[in-house]
Each structure stands twice: as structure tokens, then as C-alpha cells.
Amino acid sequence: MPARNVARPGDLTGRTKAALAKEHAEDLKARENEISLMNAAAAAERDETVHEVKPRQPESAVDTVVEVADAIEVETPMREFRVNTSLENMTYGIGNHFDFEEGVRYKAPKALYDHLDALGYIWH
């Protein structure tokens, strides 16, 4: 037997719900538009922002400062990418922990990119 679309006369909760839905229909519609605009703005910001990947390392008890004269700087090749699934607390190397969120653009060293690509986590 199909469900009834009309509230029973003794159903005070159903009648009150229907009356409130009619009363607040315009407010709900306006709020839905606001939420959709906020979601669109957040998605656009997420697409345009590139996060540089830095490992989360535990804080050491001893802080040492070493000064090196004439230090040689080596440029590490970097890659921009997105992961196809969220990864939490991923370990790469000794003591290097990373978190990746699906759909967010990251900039990381090529070695980390190659590792994620070999595991199938890079979105192409």
C-alpha cells in the first residue's frame, strides 16, 4: 500500500512541520544559495593554492646551531601534483611524516613525487 502524502488530522508534529516548512521556505532557499557560493569559493581557492610539502618531524630536545662558511646550496628538483586519495601520517624516509589531502595541489621534491607515483597515488 503506498504511503499517504496527507498528514492525519491528529498528527500535530506533521502539521507543525509542514507549516514551518512553508513559513521558512524563502529563508532556506537564500541560505542554500549562500552555502553554494561559499563552497564554490572554497573549491576555487583550493584549486589555485599550491602547498609546499614539508615533513612533520618530532621536536628534538637539543637545539644546536652550526654555522658553515661557504655552504654549497644544491637545488632539489620540485614537482607539482595532486594525490588521488587522502593519506594520513605517511612515512617517507627516516622520521619524515606527511599528510596529503585529496584534490589539494602540492609541491614536493621529485624523489617524493616518484615514490607516490610508483605507488599509484598521483592523480594524472
C-alpha atoms as a PDB file:
ATOM      1  CA  MET A   1       0.000   0.000   0.000  1.00  0.00           C
ATOM      2  CA  PRO A   2       1.542   3.383  -0.979  1.00  0.00           C
ATOM      3  CA  ALA A   3       2.427   5.964   1.652  1.00  0.00           C
ATOM      4  CA  ARG A   4      -0.007   8.797   2.332  1.00  0.00           C
ATOM      5  CA  ASN A   5       1.017  12.300   1.318  1.00  0.00           C
ATOM      6  CA  VAL A   6      -1.561  13.994   3.563  1.00  0.00           C
ATOM      7  CA  ALA A   7      -0.948  14.311   7.297  1.00  0.00           C
ATOM      8  CA  ARG A   8      -3.534  12.768   9.566  1.00  0.00           C
ATOM      9  CA  PRO A   9      -5.711  15.244  11.482  1.00  0.00           C
ATOM     10  CA  GLY A  10      -4.347  14.021  14.821  1.00  0.00           C
ATOM     11  CA  ASP A  11      -0.696  14.335  13.714  1.00  0.00           C
ATOM     12  CA  LEU A  12       0.291  17.619  15.349  1.00  0.00           C
ATOM     13  CA  THR A  13       4.001  17.112  14.643  1.00  0.00           C
ATOM     14  CA  GLY A  14       3.436  16.574  10.914  1.00  0.00           C
ATOM     15  CA  ARG A  15       1.138  19.566  10.585  1.00  0.00           C
ATOM     16  CA  THR A  16       3.552  21.800  12.520  1.00  0.00           C
ATOM     17  CA  LYS A  17       6.467  20.631  10.361  1.00  0.00           C
ATOM     18  CA  ALA A  18       4.565  21.401   7.145  1.00  0.00           C
ATOM     19  CA  ALA A  19       3.534  24.851   8.390  1.00  0.00           C
ATOM     20  CA  LEU A  20       7.102  25.715   9.408  1.00  0.00           C
ATOM     21  CA  ALA A  21       8.462  24.441   6.063  1.00  0.00           C
ATOM     22  CA  LYS A  22       6.107  26.783   4.183  1.00  0.00           C
ATOM     23  CA  GLU A  23       6.927  29.667   6.515  1.00  0.00           C
ATOM     24  CA  HIS A  24      10.698  29.340   6.189  1.00  0.00           C
ATOM     25  CA  ALA A  25      10.939  28.246   2.536  1.00  0.00           C
ATOM     26  CA  GLU A  26      12.375  31.592   1.367  1.00  0.00           C
ATOM     27  CA  ASP A  27      14.953  31.689   4.166  1.00  0.00           C
ATOM     28  CA  LEU A  28      16.056  28.134   3.379  1.00  0.00           C
ATOM     29  CA  LYS A  29      16.394  28.945  -0.339  1.00  0.00           C
ATOM     30  CA  ALA A  30      18.515  32.028   0.406  1.00  0.00           C
ATOM     31  CA  ARG A  31      20.699  30.037   2.806  1.00  0.00           C
ATOM     32  CA  GLU A  32      21.189  27.287   0.201  1.00  0.00           C
ATOM     33  CA  ASN A  33      22.443  29.921  -2.263  1.00  0.00           C
ATOM     34  CA  GLU A  34      24.859  31.318   0.344  1.00  0.00           C
ATOM     35  CA  ILE A  35      26.215  27.854   1.111  1.00  0.00           C
ATOM     36  CA  SER A  36      26.677  27.004  -2.571  1.00  0.00           C
ATOM     37  CA  LEU A  37      28.593  30.279  -3.106  1.00  0.00           C
ATOM     38  CA  MET A  38      30.816  29.556  -0.086  1.00  0.00           C
ATOM     39  CA  ASN A  39      31.513  26.026  -1.349  1.00  0.00           C
ATOM     40  CA  ALA A  40      32.357  27.322  -4.828  1.00  0.00           C
ATOM     41  CA  ALA A  41      34.746  29.924  -3.392  1.00  0.00           C
ATOM     42  CA  ALA A  42      36.451  27.327  -1.195  1.00  0.00           C
ATOM     43  CA  ALA A  43      36.838  24.948  -4.157  1.00  0.00           C
ATOM     44  CA  ALA A  44      38.311  27.714  -6.331  1.00  0.00           C
ATOM     45  CA  GLU A  45      40.784  28.676  -3.602  1.00  0.00           C
ATOM     46  CA  ARG A  46      41.798  25.037  -3.114  1.00  0.00           C
ATOM     47  CA  ASP A  47      42.375  24.618  -6.872  1.00  0.00           C
ATOM     48  CA  GLU A  48      44.571  27.732  -7.096  1.00  0.00           C
ATOM     49  CA  THR A  49      46.668  27.192  -3.960  1.00  0.00           C
ATOM     50  CA  VAL A  50      49.875  25.139  -4.077  1.00  0.00           C
ATOM     51  CA  HIS A  51      51.090  23.773  -0.744  1.00  0.00           C
ATOM     52  CA  GLU A  52      54.786  23.105  -0.323  1.00  0.00           C
ATOM     53  CA  VAL A  53      55.361  19.738   1.307  1.00  0.00           C
ATOM     54  CA  LYS A  54      57.429  19.783   4.473  1.00  0.00           C
ATOM     55  CA  PRO A  55      57.859  16.714   6.671  1.00  0.00           C
ATOM     56  CA  ARG A  56      56.454  16.721  10.172  1.00  0.00           C
ATOM     57  CA  GLN A  57      59.395  15.782  12.368  1.00  0.00           C
ATOM     58  CA  PRO A  58      59.309  15.303  16.108  1.00  0.00           C
ATOM     59  CA  GLU A  59      60.779  18.206  18.052  1.00  0.00           C
ATOM     60  CA  SER A  60      64.247  17.474  19.353  1.00  0.00           C
ATOM     61  CA  ALA A  61      65.224  18.242  22.922  1.00  0.00           C
ATOM     62  CA  VAL A  62      68.529  19.831  21.902  1.00  0.00           C
ATOM     63  CA  ASP A  63      68.697  22.792  19.561  1.00  0.00           C
ATOM     64  CA  THR A  64      72.133  23.112  18.028  1.00  0.00           C
ATOM     65  CA  VAL A  65      73.223  25.860  15.701  1.00  0.00           C
ATOM     66  CA  VAL A  66      76.030  25.152  13.296  1.00  0.00           C
ATOM     67  CA  GLU A  67      77.484  27.907  11.162  1.00  0.00           C
ATOM     68  CA  VAL A  68      79.082  26.861   7.915  1.00  0.00           C
ATOM     69  CA  ALA A  69      81.132  29.249   5.872  1.00  0.00           C
ATOM     70  CA  ASP A  70      80.814  28.969   2.100  1.00  0.00           C
ATOM     71  CA  ALA A  71      77.995  26.422   2.226  1.00  0.00           C
ATOM     72  CA  ILE A  72      77.047  24.855  -1.070  1.00  0.00           C
ATOM     73  CA  GLU A  73      73.371  25.019  -1.934  1.00  0.00           C
ATOM     74  CA  VAL A  74      72.020  22.242  -4.100  1.00  0.00           C
ATOM     75  CA  GLU A  75      68.727  22.804  -5.839  1.00  0.00           C
ATOM     76  CA  THR A  76      66.307  19.945  -5.422  1.00  0.00           C
ATOM     77  CA  PRO A  77      64.078  19.389  -8.446  1.00  0.00           C
ATOM     78  CA  MET A  78      60.481  20.005  -7.423  1.00  0.00           C
ATOM     79  CA  ARG A  79      57.194  18.722  -8.868  1.00  0.00           C
ATOM     80  CA  GLU A  80      53.613  19.937  -8.511  1.00  0.00           C
ATOM     81  CA  PHE A  81      50.971  17.247  -8.158  1.00  0.00           C
ATOM     82  CA  ARG A  82      47.681  16.157  -6.634  1.00  0.00           C
ATOM     83  CA  VAL A  83      47.026  12.852  -4.900  1.00  0.00           C
ATOM     84  CA  ASN A  84      44.030  10.722  -5.844  1.00  0.00           C
ATOM     85  CA  THR A  85      43.278   9.704  -2.247  1.00  0.00           C
ATOM     86  CA  SER A  86      43.862  11.224   1.180  1.00  0.00           C
ATOM     87  CA  LEU A  87      46.953   9.945   3.008  1.00  0.00           C
ATOM     88  CA  GLU A  88      47.460  10.459   6.723  1.00  0.00           C
ATOM     89  CA  ASN A  89      50.747  10.094   8.576  1.00  0.00           C
ATOM     90  CA  MET A  90      52.613   8.661   5.575  1.00  0.00           C
ATOM     91  CA  THR A  91      56.256   7.945   6.358  1.00  0.00           C
ATOM     92  CA  TYR A  92      58.888   8.572   3.697  1.00  0.00           C
ATOM     93  CA  GLY A  93      62.444   8.051   4.848  1.00  0.00           C
ATOM     94  CA  ILE A  94      63.539   8.170   8.453  1.00  0.00           C
ATOM     95  CA  GLY A  95      61.383  10.399  10.629  1.00  0.00           C
ATOM     96  CA  ASN A  96      59.638  12.170   7.732  1.00  0.00           C
ATOM     97  CA  HIS A  97      55.859  12.070   8.101  1.00  0.00           C
ATOM     98  CA  PHE A  98      53.451  13.627   5.606  1.00  0.00           C
ATOM     99  CA  ASP A  99      49.709  14.236   5.334  1.00  0.00           C
ATOM    100  CA  PHE A 100      48.108  14.605   1.896  1.00  0.00           C
ATOM    101  CA  GLU A 101      44.510  15.594   1.201  1.00  0.00           C
ATOM    102  CA  GLU A 102      42.751  14.526  -1.967  1.00  0.00           C
ATOM    103  CA  GLY A 103      42.346  17.325  -4.543  1.00  0.00           C
ATOM    104  CA  VAL A 104      44.865  19.728  -2.977  1.00  0.00           C
ATOM    105  CA  ARG A 105      47.859  20.827  -5.095  1.00  0.00           C
ATOM    106  CA  TYR A 106      51.255  20.085  -3.543  1.00  0.00           C
ATOM    107  CA  LYS A 107      54.814  20.986  -4.434  1.00  0.00           C
ATOM    108  CA  ALA A 108      57.378  18.421  -3.294  1.00  0.00           C
ATOM    109  CA  PRO A 109      60.816  17.061  -4.205  1.00  0.00           C
ATOM    110  CA  LYS A 110      60.922  14.860  -7.300  1.00  0.00           C
ATOM    111  CA  ALA A 111      62.004  11.825  -5.241  1.00  0.00           C
ATOM    112  CA  LEU A 112      58.817  12.004  -3.130  1.00  0.00           C
ATOM    113  CA  TYR A 113      56.735  12.545  -6.280  1.00  0.00           C
ATOM    114  CA  ASP A 114      58.316   9.483  -7.926  1.00  0.00           C
ATOM    115  CA  HIS A 115      57.660   7.391  -4.814  1.00  0.00           C
ATOM    116  CA  LEU A 116      53.974   8.375  -4.702  1.00  0.00           C
ATOM    117  CA  ASP A 117      53.654   7.835  -8.448  1.00  0.00           C
ATOM    118  CA  ALA A 118      55.142   4.348  -8.192  1.00  0.00           C
ATOM    119  CA  LEU A 119      52.557   3.504  -5.518  1.00  0.00           C
ATOM    120  CA  GLY A 120      49.743   4.852  -7.726  1.00  0.00           C
ATOM    121  CA  TYR A 121      48.778   7.816  -5.530  1.00  0.00           C
ATOM    122  CA  ILE A 122      49.427  10.604  -8.077  1.00  0.00           C
ATOM    123  CA  TRP A 123      46.381  11.934  -9.902  1.00  0.00           C
ATOM    124  CA  HIS A 124      47.095  12.128 -13.654  1.00  0.00           C
END
